[in-house]
C-alpha atoms as a PDB file:
ATOM      1  CA  MET A   1       0.000   0.000   0.000  1.00  0.00           C
ATOM      2  CA  ILE A   2       1.416   3.371  -1.014  1.00  0.00           C
ATOM      3  CA  LYS A   3       0.396   6.781   0.253  1.00  0.00           C
ATOM      4  CA  VAL A   4      -0.611   9.241  -2.460  1.00  0.00           C
ATOM      5  CA  ALA A   5      -1.175  13.006  -2.493  1.00  0.00           C
ATOM      6  CA  ILE A   6      -3.024  14.884  -5.224  1.00  0.00           C
ATOM      7  CA  CYS A   7      -1.889  18.485  -5.598  1.00  0.00           C
ATOM      8  CA  GLY A   8      -4.547  20.503  -7.396  1.00  0.00           C
ATOM      9  CA  GLY A   9      -7.388  18.144  -6.624  1.00  0.00           C
ATOM     10  CA  SER A  10     -10.393  20.392  -7.224  1.00  0.00           C
ATOM     11  CA  GLY A  11     -10.243  20.457 -11.027  1.00  0.00           C
ATOM     12  CA  TYR A  12     -11.484  17.908 -13.530  1.00  0.00           C
ATOM     13  CA  THR A  13      -8.230  15.941 -13.649  1.00  0.00           C
ATOM     14  CA  GLY A  14      -8.037  15.909  -9.864  1.00  0.00           C
ATOM     15  CA  ALA A  15     -11.579  14.596  -9.632  1.00  0.00           C
ATOM     16  CA  GLU A  16     -10.821  11.897 -12.208  1.00  0.00           C
ATOM     17  CA  LEU A  17      -7.744  10.850 -10.255  1.00  0.00           C
ATOM     18  CA  LEU A  18      -9.889  10.462  -7.150  1.00  0.00           C
ATOM     19  CA  ARG A  19     -12.544   8.517  -9.062  1.00  0.00           C
ATOM     20  CA  ILE A  20     -10.065   6.128 -10.671  1.00  0.00           C
ATOM     21  CA  LEU A  21      -7.970   5.612  -7.539  1.00  0.00           C
ATOM     22  CA  SER A  22     -11.088   4.789  -5.523  1.00  0.00           C
ATOM     23  CA  GLY A  23     -10.853   1.356  -7.117  1.00  0.00           C
ATOM     24  CA  HIS A  24      -7.102   0.864  -6.651  1.00  0.00           C
ATOM     25  CA  PRO A  25      -6.296  -1.788  -4.027  1.00  0.00           C
ATOM     26  CA  ASP A  26      -2.730  -0.604  -3.460  1.00  0.00           C
ATOM     27  CA  VAL A  27      -3.315   3.127  -2.959  1.00  0.00           C
ATOM     28  CA  GLU A  28      -4.308   5.218   0.039  1.00  0.00           C
ATOM     29  CA  ILE A  29      -5.003   8.879  -0.659  1.00  0.00           C
ATOM     30  CA  THR A  30      -3.618  10.798   2.293  1.00  0.00           C
ATOM     31  CA  ALA A  31      -3.794  14.404   1.084  1.00  0.00           C
ATOM     32  CA  VAL A  32      -5.490  16.538  -1.537  1.00  0.00           C
ATOM     33  CA  THR A  33      -4.719  20.204  -2.109  1.00  0.00           C
ATOM     34  CA  SER A  34      -6.545  23.224  -3.495  1.00  0.00           C
ATOM     35  CA  GLU A  35      -5.833  26.853  -2.769  1.00  0.00           C
ATOM     36  CA  LYS A  36      -9.339  28.062  -3.628  1.00  0.00           C
ATOM     37  CA  SER A  37     -11.174  25.215  -1.906  1.00  0.00           C
ATOM     38  CA  ALA A  38      -8.984  24.837   1.194  1.00  0.00           C
ATOM     39  CA  GLY A  39     -11.059  23.814   4.195  1.00  0.00           C
ATOM     40  CA  LYS A  40     -13.808  22.203   2.131  1.00  0.00           C
ATOM     41  CA  ARG A  41     -14.438  18.487   1.928  1.00  0.00           C
ATOM     42  CA  VAL A  42     -13.956  16.696  -1.357  1.00  0.00           C
ATOM     43  CA  THR A  43     -17.679  15.917  -1.360  1.00  0.00           C
ATOM     44  CA  ASP A  44     -18.480  19.630  -1.139  1.00  0.00           C
ATOM     45  CA  MET A  45     -16.916  19.997  -4.595  1.00  0.00           C
ATOM     46  CA  PHE A  46     -17.687  16.557  -6.007  1.00  0.00           C
ATOM     47  CA  PRO A  47     -20.709  14.926  -4.322  1.00  0.00           C
ATOM     48  CA  HIS A  48     -20.292  11.774  -6.421  1.00  0.00           C
ATOM     49  CA  LEU A  49     -16.970  11.022  -4.706  1.00  0.00           C
ATOM     50  CA  HIS A  50     -18.665   9.992  -1.459  1.00  0.00           C
ATOM     51  CA  LYS A  51     -15.857   7.553  -0.628  1.00  0.00           C
ATOM     52  CA  TYR A  52     -13.685  10.587   0.118  1.00  0.00           C
ATOM     53  CA  SER A  53     -16.007  12.435   2.496  1.00  0.00           C
ATOM     54  CA  TYR A  54     -13.194  12.296   5.062  1.00  0.00           C
ATOM     55  CA  LEU A  55     -10.739  14.181   2.822  1.00  0.00           C
ATOM     56  CA  ILE A  56     -10.434  17.939   3.292  1.00  0.00           C
ATOM     57  CA  TYR A  57      -8.689  20.191   0.792  1.00  0.00           C
ATOM     58  CA  GLU A  58      -5.597  21.889   2.163  1.00  0.00           C
ATOM     59  CA  PRO A  59      -3.151  24.480   0.828  1.00  0.00           C
ATOM     60  CA  LEU A  60      -0.072  23.231  -1.000  1.00  0.00           C
ATOM     61  CA  ASP A  61       2.353  23.480   1.915  1.00  0.00           C
ATOM     62  CA  LYS A  62       5.302  21.492   0.581  1.00  0.00           C
ATOM     63  CA  GLU A  63       7.024  20.851   3.898  1.00  0.00           C
ATOM     64  CA  LYS A  64       3.792  19.748   5.555  1.00  0.00           C
ATOM     65  CA  LEU A  65       2.868  17.474   2.662  1.00  0.00           C
ATOM     66  CA  LEU A  66       6.286  15.859   2.366  1.00  0.00           C
ATOM     67  CA  SER A  67       5.707  13.300   5.117  1.00  0.00           C
ATOM     68  CA  LYS A  68       2.162  12.497   4.013  1.00  0.00           C
ATOM     69  CA  ALA A  69       2.832  10.696   0.749  1.00  0.00           C
ATOM     70  CA  ASP A  70       5.206   8.447  -1.172  1.00  0.00           C
ATOM     71  CA  LEU A  71       3.959   9.563  -4.580  1.00  0.00           C
ATOM     72  CA  PHE A  72       2.601  12.931  -5.688  1.00  0.00           C
ATOM     73  CA  PHE A  73       0.215  13.593  -8.551  1.00  0.00           C
ATOM     74  CA  MET A  74       0.658  17.210  -9.624  1.00  0.00           C
ATOM     75  CA  ALA A  75      -2.577  18.395 -11.274  1.00  0.00           C
ATOM     76  CA  LEU A  76      -1.659  22.067 -11.376  1.00  0.00           C
ATOM     77  CA  PRO A  77      -1.665  24.587 -14.245  1.00  0.00           C
ATOM     78  CA  HIS A  78       1.489  25.085 -16.286  1.00  0.00           C
ATOM     79  CA  ALA A  79       4.188  27.089 -14.494  1.00  0.00           C
ATOM     80  CA  ALA A  80       2.548  26.337 -11.132  1.00  0.00           C
ATOM     81  CA  SER A  81       4.088  22.850 -10.982  1.00  0.00           C
ATOM     82  CA  GLN A  82       7.715  23.777 -11.563  1.00  0.00           C
ATOM     83  CA  GLU A  83       8.818  24.601  -8.029  1.00  0.00           C
ATOM     84  CA  ALA A  84       6.738  21.972  -6.207  1.00  0.00           C
ATOM     85  CA  VAL A  85       7.874  19.198  -8.559  1.00  0.00           C
ATOM     86  CA  ASP A  86      11.508  20.208  -8.084  1.00  0.00           C
ATOM     87  CA  TYR A  87      11.084  20.236  -4.293  1.00  0.00           C
ATOM     88  CA  PHE A  88       9.429  16.823  -3.995  1.00  0.00           C
ATOM     89  CA  PHE A  89      11.767  15.266  -6.560  1.00  0.00           C
ATOM     90  CA  LYS A  90      14.872  16.418  -4.714  1.00  0.00           C
ATOM     91  CA  LYS A  91      13.400  15.043  -1.486  1.00  0.00           C
ATOM     92  CA  GLY A  92      13.287  11.607  -3.083  1.00  0.00           C
ATOM     93  CA  LYS A  93       9.572  11.388  -3.807  1.00  0.00           C
ATOM     94  CA  LYS A  94       8.006   9.852  -6.892  1.00  0.00           C
ATOM     95  CA  ILE A  95       6.006  12.290  -9.023  1.00  0.00           C
ATOM     96  CA  VAL A  96       3.556  12.138 -11.907  1.00  0.00           C
ATOM     97  CA  ASP A  97       3.151  15.690 -13.195  1.00  0.00           C
ATOM     98  CA  LEU A  98       0.018  16.334 -15.246  1.00  0.00           C
ATOM     99  CA  SER A  99       1.034  19.885 -16.162  1.00  0.00           C
ATOM    100  CA  ALA A 100       3.133  20.820 -19.183  1.00  0.00           C
ATOM    101  CA  ASP A 101       6.094  21.937 -17.087  1.00  0.00           C
ATOM    102  CA  TYR A 102       8.302  18.876 -17.555  1.00  0.00           C
ATOM    103  CA  ARG A 103       7.142  17.544 -20.946  1.00  0.00           C
ATOM    104  CA  LEU A 104       9.425  19.547 -23.219  1.00  0.00           C
ATOM    105  CA  THR A 105      13.045  18.505 -22.931  1.00  0.00           C
ATOM    106  CA  ASP A 106      14.409  21.841 -24.154  1.00  0.00           C
ATOM    107  CA  PRO A 107      13.782  24.684 -21.675  1.00  0.00           C
ATOM    108  CA  ALA A 108      14.124  27.243 -24.478  1.00  0.00           C
ATOM    109  CA  VAL A 109      11.256  25.596 -26.380  1.00  0.00           C
ATOM    110  CA  TYR A 110       9.177  25.598 -23.200  1.00  0.00           C
ATOM    111  CA  GLU A 111       9.802  29.315 -22.703  1.00  0.00           C
ATOM    112  CA  GLU A 112       8.980  30.065 -26.354  1.00  0.00           C
ATOM    113  CA  TRP A 113       5.586  28.355 -26.232  1.00  0.00           C
ATOM    114  CA  TYR A 114       4.550  28.945 -22.607  1.00  0.00           C
ATOM    115  CA  LYS A 115       5.939  32.485 -22.299  1.00  0.00           C
ATOM    116  CA  THR A 116       7.633  31.796 -18.985  1.00  0.00           C
ATOM    117  CA  PRO A 117      11.142  30.530 -18.179  1.00  0.00           C
ATOM    118  CA  HIS A 118      11.846  27.046 -16.894  1.00  0.00           C
ATOM    119  CA  ASN A 119      13.784  27.543 -13.677  1.00  0.00           C
ATOM    120  CA  TYR A 120      14.686  23.923 -12.926  1.00  0.00           C
ATOM    121  CA  ALA A 121      16.703  22.680 -15.886  1.00  0.00           C
ATOM    122  CA  ASP A 122      18.527  20.031 -13.833  1.00  0.00           C
ATOM    123  CA  THR A 123      15.281  18.444 -12.685  1.00  0.00           C
ATOM    124  CA  LEU A 124      13.840  18.753 -16.198  1.00  0.00           C
ATOM    125  CA  LYS A 125      16.659  16.516 -17.440  1.00  0.00           C
ATOM    126  CA  GLU A 126      15.458  13.752 -15.110  1.00  0.00           C
ATOM    127  CA  ALA A 127      11.853  13.760 -16.362  1.00  0.00           C
ATOM    128  CA  VAL A 128      10.581  10.924 -18.561  1.00  0.00           C
ATOM    129  CA  TYR A 129       7.768  11.580 -21.026  1.00  0.00           C
ATOM    130  CA  GLY A 130       4.987   9.351 -19.769  1.00  0.00           C
ATOM    131  CA  LEU A 131       3.510   7.749 -22.863  1.00  0.00           C
ATOM    132  CA  PRO A 132       3.850   4.052 -21.940  1.00  0.00           C
ATOM    133  CA  GLU A 133       3.455   2.806 -25.492  1.00  0.00           C
ATOM    134  CA  LEU A 134       6.680   4.657 -26.391  1.00  0.00           C
ATOM    135  CA  HIS A 135       8.689   4.858 -23.187  1.00  0.00           C
ATOM    136  CA  ARG A 136       7.603   2.031 -20.859  1.00  0.00           C
ATOM    137  CA  GLU A 137      11.127   0.852 -20.042  1.00  0.00           C
ATOM    138  CA  LYS A 138      12.291   4.367 -19.156  1.00  0.00           C
ATOM    139  CA  ILE A 139       9.159   4.957 -17.085  1.00  0.00           C
ATOM    140  CA  LYS A 140       9.893   1.857 -15.012  1.00  0.00           C
ATOM    141  CA  LYS A 141      13.174   3.376 -13.831  1.00  0.00           C
ATOM    142  CA  ALA A 142      12.003   6.978 -13.363  1.00  0.00           C
ATOM    143  CA  ASN A 143      10.993   8.995 -10.307  1.00  0.00           C
ATOM    144  CA  LEU A 144       9.573  11.906 -12.309  1.00  0.00           C
ATOM    145  CA  ILE A 145       7.011  11.324 -15.046  1.00  0.00           C
ATOM    146  CA  ALA A 146       5.821  14.107 -17.326  1.00  0.00           C
ATOM    147  CA  ASN A 147       2.283  12.960 -18.099  1.00  0.00           C
ATOM    148  CA  PRO A 148       1.452  13.702 -21.771  1.00  0.00           C
ATOM    149  CA  GLY A 149      -1.111  16.211 -22.928  1.00  0.00           C
ATOM    150  CA  CYS A 150      -4.451  15.004 -24.255  1.00  0.00           C
ATOM    151  CA  TYR A 151      -4.073  16.096 -27.883  1.00  0.00           C
ATOM    152  CA  PRO A 152      -0.514  14.702 -28.110  1.00  0.00           C
ATOM    153  CA  THR A 153      -1.630  11.343 -26.717  1.00  0.00           C
ATOM    154  CA  SER A 154      -4.291  10.958 -29.395  1.00  0.00           C
ATOM    155  CA  ALA A 155      -2.046  12.159 -32.225  1.00  0.00           C
ATOM    156  CA  ILE A 156       1.145  10.317 -31.297  1.00  0.00           C
ATOM    157  CA  LEU A 157      -0.573   6.961 -30.783  1.00  0.00           C
ATOM    158  CA  GLY A 158      -2.300   7.335 -34.145  1.00  0.00           C
ATOM    159  CA  LEU A 159       0.878   8.229 -36.035  1.00  0.00           C
ATOM    160  CA  TYR A 160       3.464   6.120 -34.222  1.00  0.00           C
ATOM    161  CA  PRO A 161       3.362   2.948 -36.375  1.00  0.00           C
ATOM    162  CA  ALA A 162       3.044   4.858 -39.662  1.00  0.00           C
ATOM    163  CA  ILE A 163       6.164   6.910 -38.913  1.00  0.00           C
ATOM    164  CA  LYS A 164       8.111   4.049 -37.333  1.00  0.00           C
ATOM    165  CA  GLU A 165       7.538   1.835 -40.365  1.00  0.00           C
ATOM    166  CA  GLY A 166       8.226   4.610 -42.883  1.00  0.00           C
ATOM    167  CA  ILE A 167       4.763   4.471 -44.409  1.00  0.00           C
ATOM    168  CA  ILE A 168       4.158   8.229 -44.649  1.00  0.00           C
ATOM    169  CA  ASP A 169       6.074  11.348 -45.598  1.00  0.00           C
ATOM    170  CA  ILE A 170       7.010  13.056 -42.323  1.00  0.00           C
ATOM    171  CA  GLU A 171       7.426  16.423 -44.039  1.00  0.00           C
ATOM    172  CA  ASN A 172       3.709  17.000 -44.579  1.00  0.00           C
ATOM    173  CA  ILE A 173       1.754  15.663 -41.606  1.00  0.00           C
ATOM    174  CA  ILE A 174      -1.599  17.293 -40.841  1.00  0.00           C
ATOM    175  CA  ILE A 175      -3.345  16.738 -37.500  1.00  0.00           C
ATOM    176  CA  ASP A 176      -6.944  17.875 -37.099  1.00  0.00           C
ATOM    177  CA  SER A 177      -8.345  17.380 -33.575  1.00  0.00           C
ATOM    178  CA  LYS A 178     -11.677  17.969 -31.852  1.00  0.00           C
ATOM    179  CA  SER A 179     -12.056  18.104 -28.079  1.00  0.00           C
ATOM    180  CA  GLY A 180     -14.822  18.395 -25.524  1.00  0.00           C
ATOM    181  CA  THR A 181     -14.940  21.445 -23.271  1.00  0.00           C
ATOM    182  CA  SER A 182     -13.503  19.752 -20.178  1.00  0.00           C
ATOM    183  CA  GLY A 183     -10.128  20.061 -21.886  1.00  0.00           C
ATOM    184  CA  ALA A 184     -10.127  23.741 -20.921  1.00  0.00           C
ATOM    185  CA  GLY A 185     -10.314  22.892 -17.225  1.00  0.00           C
ATOM    186  CA  ARG A 186     -12.827  23.677 -14.493  1.00  0.00           C
ATOM    187  CA  LYS A 187     -12.944  27.449 -14.421  1.00  0.00           C
ATOM    188  CA  ALA A 188     -15.369  30.311 -14.806  1.00  0.00           C
ATOM    189  CA  ASP A 189     -14.859  31.547 -18.343  1.00  0.00           C
ATOM    190  CA  VAL A 190     -17.496  33.114 -20.586  1.00  0.00           C
ATOM    191  CA  GLY A 191     -15.992  31.390 -23.606  1.00  0.00           C
ATOM    192  CA  PHE A 192     -16.810  27.991 -22.133  1.00  0.00           C
ATOM    193  CA  SER A 193     -20.242  28.763 -20.707  1.00  0.00           C
ATOM    194  CA  TYR A 194     -23.218  26.736 -21.926  1.00  0.00           C
ATOM    195  CA  CYS A 195     -24.653  29.374 -24.250  1.00  0.00           C
ATOM    196  CA  GLU A 196     -21.264  30.082 -25.805  1.00  0.00           C
ATOM    197  CA  VAL A 197     -20.434  26.429 -26.484  1.00  0.00           C
ATOM    198  CA  ASN A 198     -23.781  24.738 -27.106  1.00  0.00           C
ATOM    199  CA  GLU A 199     -24.560  24.238 -30.815  1.00  0.00           C
ATOM    200  CA  GLY A 200     -21.198  25.744 -31.706  1.00  0.00           C
ATOM    201  CA  PHE A 201     -18.104  24.267 -33.332  1.00  0.00           C
ATOM    202  CA  LYS A 202     -14.894  26.239 -33.809  1.00  0.00           C
ATOM    203  CA  ALA A 203     -11.183  25.988 -34.394  1.00  0.00           C
ATOM    204  CA  TYR A 204      -8.831  27.706 -31.976  1.00  0.00           C
ATOM    205  CA  GLY A 205      -5.113  28.060 -31.290  1.00  0.00           C
ATOM    206  CA  ILE A 206      -4.466  27.795 -35.021  1.00  0.00           C
ATOM    207  CA  ALA A 207      -0.716  27.379 -35.671  1.00  0.00           C
ATOM    208  CA  VAL A 208       0.065  28.428 -32.079  1.00  0.00           C
ATOM    209  CA  HIS A 209      -1.405  25.738 -29.812  1.00  0.00           C
ATOM    210  CA  ARG A 210       0.988  24.815 -26.998  1.00  0.00           C
ATOM    211  CA  HIS A 211       0.690  21.091 -27.597  1.00  0.00           C
ATOM    212  CA  THR A 212       2.384  21.509 -30.981  1.00  0.00           C
ATOM    213  CA  PRO A 213       6.010  21.296 -29.766  1.00  0.00           C
ATOM    214  CA  GLU A 214       5.137  18.324 -27.558  1.00  0.00           C
ATOM    215  CA  ILE A 215       3.764  16.398 -30.536  1.00  0.00           C
ATOM    216  CA  GLU A 216       6.738  17.421 -32.677  1.00  0.00           C
ATOM    217  CA  GLN A 217       9.216  16.385 -29.982  1.00  0.00           C
ATOM    218  CA  GLU A 218       7.852  12.857 -29.709  1.00  0.00           C
ATOM    219  CA  LEU A 219       7.255  12.315 -33.420  1.00  0.00           C
ATOM    220  CA  SER A 220      10.791  13.531 -34.114  1.00  0.00           C
ATOM    221  CA  GLY A 221      12.079  10.953 -31.630  1.00  0.00           C
ATOM    222  CA  ILE A 222      10.209   8.225 -33.489  1.00  0.00           C
ATOM    223  CA  ALA A 223      11.457   9.373 -36.901  1.00  0.00           C
ATOM    224  CA  GLY A 224      15.016  10.066 -35.836  1.00  0.00           C
ATOM    225  CA  LYS A 225      14.897  13.504 -37.419  1.00  0.00           C
ATOM    226  CA  LYS A 226      13.171  16.836 -36.842  1.00  0.00           C
ATOM    227  CA  ILE A 227       9.473  16.921 -37.691  1.00  0.00           C
ATOM    228  CA  LYS A 228       7.213  19.935 -37.979  1.00  0.00           C
ATOM    229  CA  ILE A 229       3.446  19.506 -38.198  1.00  0.00           C
ATOM    230  CA  ASN A 230       0.299  21.396 -39.033  1.00  0.00           C
ATOM    231  CA  PHE A 231      -1.914  21.015 -35.953  1.00  0.00           C
ATOM    232  CA  THR A 232      -5.375  22.528 -35.590  1.00  0.00           C
ATOM    233  CA  PRO A 233      -7.558  21.850 -32.530  1.00  0.00           C
ATOM    234  CA  HIS A 234     -11.316  22.425 -32.425  1.00  0.00           C
ATOM    235  CA  LEU A 235     -13.809  22.853 -29.597  1.00  0.00           C
ATOM    236  CA  VAL A 236     -16.972  20.764 -29.851  1.00  0.00           C
ATOM    237  CA  PRO A 237     -20.047  20.969 -27.591  1.00  0.00           C
ATOM    238  CA  MET A 238     -19.544  17.805 -25.559  1.00  0.00           C
ATOM    239  CA  ASP A 239     -18.187  17.314 -22.057  1.00  0.00           C
ATOM    240  CA  ARG A 240     -15.280  15.016 -22.790  1.00  0.00           C
ATOM    241  CA  GLY A 241     -13.518  13.158 -25.553  1.00  0.00           C
ATOM    242  CA  ILE A 242     -11.072  13.788 -28.384  1.00  0.00           C
ATOM    243  CA  ILE A 243     -11.159  12.715 -32.000  1.00  0.00           C
ATOM    244  CA  SER A 244      -7.955  13.303 -33.952  1.00  0.00           C
ATOM    245  CA  THR A 245      -7.711  12.832 -37.713  1.00  0.00           C
ATOM    246  CA  MET A 246      -4.213  12.629 -39.160  1.00  0.00           C
ATOM    247  CA  TYR A 247      -3.213  12.889 -42.830  1.00  0.00           C
ATOM    248  CA  GLY A 248       0.068  11.739 -44.344  1.00  0.00           C
ATOM    249  CA  LYS A 249       1.223  11.228 -47.929  1.00  0.00           C
ATOM    250  CA  MET A 250       2.060   7.580 -48.601  1.00  0.00           C
ATOM    251  CA  LEU A 251       5.663   6.586 -49.324  1.00  0.00           C
ATOM    252  CA  LYS A 252       4.776   2.983 -50.066  1.00  0.00           C
ATOM    253  CA  LYS A 253       2.074   1.263 -52.087  1.00  0.00           C
ATOM    254  CA  ILE A 254       0.161  -0.505 -49.308  1.00  0.00           C
ATOM    255  CA  ASP A 255      -3.552  -1.046 -49.070  1.00  0.00           C
ATOM    256  CA  THR A 256      -5.746  -0.372 -46.031  1.00  0.00           C
ATOM    257  CA  ALA A 257      -5.995  -4.014 -44.954  1.00  0.00           C
ATOM    258  CA  ASP A 258      -2.221  -4.485 -44.851  1.00  0.00           C
ATOM    259  CA  ILE A 259      -1.617  -1.285 -42.883  1.00  0.00           C
ATOM    260  CA  LEU A 260      -4.337  -2.239 -40.413  1.00  0.00           C
ATOM    261  CA  ASP A 261      -2.748  -5.658 -40.005  1.00  0.00           C
ATOM    262  CA  GLY A 262       0.564  -3.940 -39.261  1.00  0.00           C
ATOM    263  CA  TYR A 263      -1.054  -1.606 -36.736  1.00  0.00           C
ATOM    264  CA  LYS A 264      -2.728  -4.526 -34.959  1.00  0.00           C
ATOM    265  CA  LYS A 265       0.580  -6.381 -34.679  1.00  0.00           C
ATOM    266  CA  PHE A 266       2.331  -3.197 -33.577  1.00  0.00           C
ATOM    267  CA  TYR A 267      -0.119  -2.613 -30.716  1.00  0.00           C
ATOM    268  CA  ASP A 268      -0.919  -6.250 -29.992  1.00  0.00           C
ATOM    269  CA  ALA A 269       0.697  -6.200 -26.536  1.00  0.00           C
ATOM    270  CA  GLU A 270      -0.688  -2.799 -25.534  1.00  0.00           C
ATOM    271  CA  PRO A 271      -3.558  -3.112 -23.034  1.00  0.00           C
ATOM    272  CA  PHE A 272      -5.157   0.243 -23.835  1.00  0.00           C
ATOM    273  CA  VAL A 273      -4.872   0.593 -27.621  1.00  0.00           C
ATOM    274  CA  ASN A 274      -7.581  -0.955 -29.792  1.00  0.00           C
ATOM    275  CA  VAL A 275      -7.050  -1.001 -33.565  1.00  0.00           C
ATOM    276  CA  LEU A 276     -10.405  -1.326 -35.279  1.00  0.00           C
ATOM    277  CA  ASP A 277     -11.263  -3.528 -38.244  1.00  0.00           C
ATOM    278  CA  GLU A 278     -11.376  -2.151 -41.768  1.00  0.00           C
ATOM    279  CA  GLY A 279     -14.349   0.107 -42.402  1.00  0.00           C
ATOM    280  CA  ILE A 280     -14.863   0.850 -38.692  1.00  0.00           C
ATOM    281  CA  PHE A 281     -13.734   4.191 -37.284  1.00  0.00           C
ATOM    282  CA  PRO A 282     -13.440   5.559 -33.746  1.00  0.00           C
ATOM    283  CA  ASN A 283     -16.258   7.352 -31.969  1.00  0.00           C
ATOM    284  CA  ALA A 284     -15.438   9.441 -28.902  1.00  0.00           C
ATOM    285  CA  LYS A 285     -18.534   8.020 -27.237  1.00  0.00           C
ATOM    286  CA  ASN A 286     -17.033   4.534 -27.356  1.00  0.00           C
ATOM    287  CA  VAL A 287     -14.071   5.482 -25.136  1.00  0.00           C
ATOM    288  CA  ARG A 288     -15.878   7.886 -22.801  1.00  0.00           C
ATOM    289  CA  GLY A 289     -14.835   7.282 -19.196  1.00  0.00           C
ATOM    290  CA  SER A 290     -12.218   4.683 -20.179  1.00  0.00           C
ATOM    291  CA  ASN A 291      -8.435   4.607 -20.530  1.00  0.00           C
ATOM    292  CA  TYR A 292      -8.611   3.221 -24.051  1.00  0.00           C
ATOM    293  CA  CYS A 293      -7.445   4.687 -27.345  1.00  0.00           C
ATOM    294  CA  GLU A 294      -9.246   3.498 -30.474  1.00  0.00           C
ATOM    295  CA  ILE A 295      -7.591   3.762 -33.870  1.00  0.00           C
ATOM    296  CA  GLY A 296      -9.023   3.314 -37.357  1.00  0.00           C
ATOM    297  CA  LEU A 297      -7.535   4.155 -40.743  1.00  0.00           C
ATOM    298  CA  LYS A 298      -8.108   4.276 -44.481  1.00  0.00           C
ATOM    299  CA  VAL A 299      -5.904   4.666 -47.544  1.00  0.00           C
ATOM    300  CA  ASN A 300      -7.269   7.229 -49.976  1.00  0.00           C
ATOM    301  CA  LYS A 301      -5.884   5.814 -53.208  1.00  0.00           C
ATOM    302  CA  ARG A 302      -7.087   8.804 -55.234  1.00  0.00           C
ATOM    303  CA  THR A 303      -4.754  11.170 -53.356  1.00  0.00           C
ATOM    304  CA  ASN A 304      -2.191   8.616 -52.129  1.00  0.00           C
ATOM    305  CA  THR A 305      -2.957   9.653 -48.528  1.00  0.00           C
ATOM    306  CA  LEU A 306      -3.144   7.641 -45.321  1.00  0.00           C
ATOM    307  CA  ILE A 307      -5.961   8.905 -43.101  1.00  0.00           C
ATOM    308  CA  ILE A 308      -5.736   7.852 -39.443  1.00  0.00           C
ATOM    309  CA  VAL A 309      -8.440   8.497 -36.854  1.00  0.00           C
ATOM    310  CA  SER A 310      -7.941   8.089 -33.106  1.00  0.00           C
ATOM    311  CA  ALA A 311     -10.274   8.607 -30.143  1.00  0.00           C
ATOM    312  CA  ILE A 312      -9.560   8.986 -26.435  1.00  0.00           C
ATOM    313  CA  ASP A 313     -11.244  10.409 -23.375  1.00  0.00           C
ATOM    314  CA  ASN A 314      -9.243  13.580 -22.741  1.00  0.00           C
ATOM    315  CA  LEU A 315      -9.690  13.263 -18.964  1.00  0.00           C
ATOM    316  CA  VAL A 316      -8.695   9.597 -18.754  1.00  0.00           C
ATOM    317  CA  LYS A 317      -6.177   8.336 -21.335  1.00  0.00           C
ATOM    318  CA  GLY A 318      -5.519  12.012 -22.061  1.00  0.00           C
ATOM    319  CA  ALA A 319      -4.810  12.857 -18.409  1.00  0.00           C
ATOM    320  CA  SER A 320      -5.713  11.090 -15.158  1.00  0.00           C
ATOM    321  CA  GLY A 321      -6.054   7.521 -16.417  1.00  0.00           C
ATOM    322  CA  GLN A 322      -2.677   7.711 -18.107  1.00  0.00           C
ATOM    323  CA  ALA A 323      -1.263   9.213 -14.906  1.00  0.00           C
ATOM    324  CA  VAL A 324      -2.484   6.188 -12.944  1.00  0.00           C
ATOM    325  CA  GLN A 325      -1.103   3.909 -15.669  1.00  0.00           C
ATOM    326  CA  ASN A 326       2.280   5.600 -15.195  1.00  0.00           C
ATOM    327  CA  MET A 327       2.028   5.267 -11.424  1.00  0.00           C
ATOM    328  CA  ASN A 328       1.345   1.553 -11.799  1.00  0.00           C
ATOM    329  CA  ILE A 329       4.431   1.144 -13.971  1.00  0.00           C
ATOM    330  CA  ILE A 330       6.856   3.031 -11.737  1.00  0.00           C
ATOM    331  CA  MET A 331       5.522   1.356  -8.580  1.00  0.00           C
ATOM    332  CA  GLY A 332       5.685  -2.124 -10.072  1.00  0.00           C
ATOM    333  CA  PHE A 333       1.923  -2.709  -9.913  1.00  0.00           C
ATOM    334  CA  LYS A 334       0.052  -4.473 -12.686  1.00  0.00           C
ATOM    335  CA  GLU A 335      -0.240  -1.782 -15.348  1.00  0.00           C
ATOM    336  CA  THR A 336      -3.997  -2.142 -15.788  1.00  0.00           C
ATOM    337  CA  THR A 337      -4.890  -1.937 -12.090  1.00  0.00           C
ATOM    338  CA  ALA A 338      -7.951   0.301 -11.525  1.00  0.00           C
ATOM    339  CA  LEU A 339      -8.081   1.064 -15.261  1.00  0.00           C
ATOM    340  CA  GLY A 340     -10.108  -1.817 -16.651  1.00  0.00           C
ATOM    341  CA  SER A 341     -13.457   0.009 -16.793  1.00  0.00           C
ATOM    342  CA  GLN A 342     -15.158  -0.091 -20.155  1.00  0.00           C
ATOM    343  CA  ALA A 343     -16.607   3.030 -21.748  1.00  0.00           C
ATOM    344  CA  LEU A 344     -19.820   4.564 -20.418  1.00  0.00           C
ATOM    345  CA  PHE A 345     -22.919   3.978 -22.524  1.00  0.00           C
ATOM    346  CA  PRO A 346     -25.086   5.773 -23.528  1.00  0.00           C
END
């Protein structure tokens, strides 16, 4: 049994961590923090989490928290995690950071895209990018995991085999993604109010979205050379879920069935990646509430283009579920523990 603290536990990812960990036999949650909700019970913020009626939000007092947990989930906004992660890491604690602060290996790239300096370059060097399908062996040995962003998870898993096997031209990759509104976090913002979002559908962050360098970093690692992408995210009027559609020019003459067969073999040992049969494509509804990623694809012979579609729940495989998956790996638990729930339906 390990003791776990959740720092930033009053947002959507914090609530999902609590929900998922409620079914984990090897975890005891000993602390949960929130600056705005300090003094309130977890059930005051999330009545459905009645198992945690005993837990009271407290301020993020690093010295006080240090003795309370063996592993820390950091569910804080970008820039807010830097100092706390550095502190707990140097005190010998294990950390899964759900912010963007330790995902980008180059601090100059982080500063360019997040408009704030990275002040802990030495600790940044110790972070492992927490996409198990790519970096499982490194994750096993790490004490600091940089949990991937939601859009990057959906895009990288979709493109990984195609790039690894040299099926597509890496110079002209297009990624078109649609996300539910929970991806923006739990905050009061007119732009995400019901009347603003309902019956709407819009692109945002065009050519400047902060997940772009994260996707490029990991795809470049797969390809062995620098990749730049065209990435456009969209906001759709649903609570959760991401659909990403990727386009790449074919470098080989391969039909859909053969590429699908390759994808299925590629991901055969992965517990949370489902490659769909030919003619079947992912639906965000079919992964809602689960830690699964679904992938479907089609070769457009008319344009010599491979079209790949992936679906994840942005709050689970795109955030808290993947964080628990990473925790399981670094703690030596069975990787699927507490993550076997199927999607919610309807």
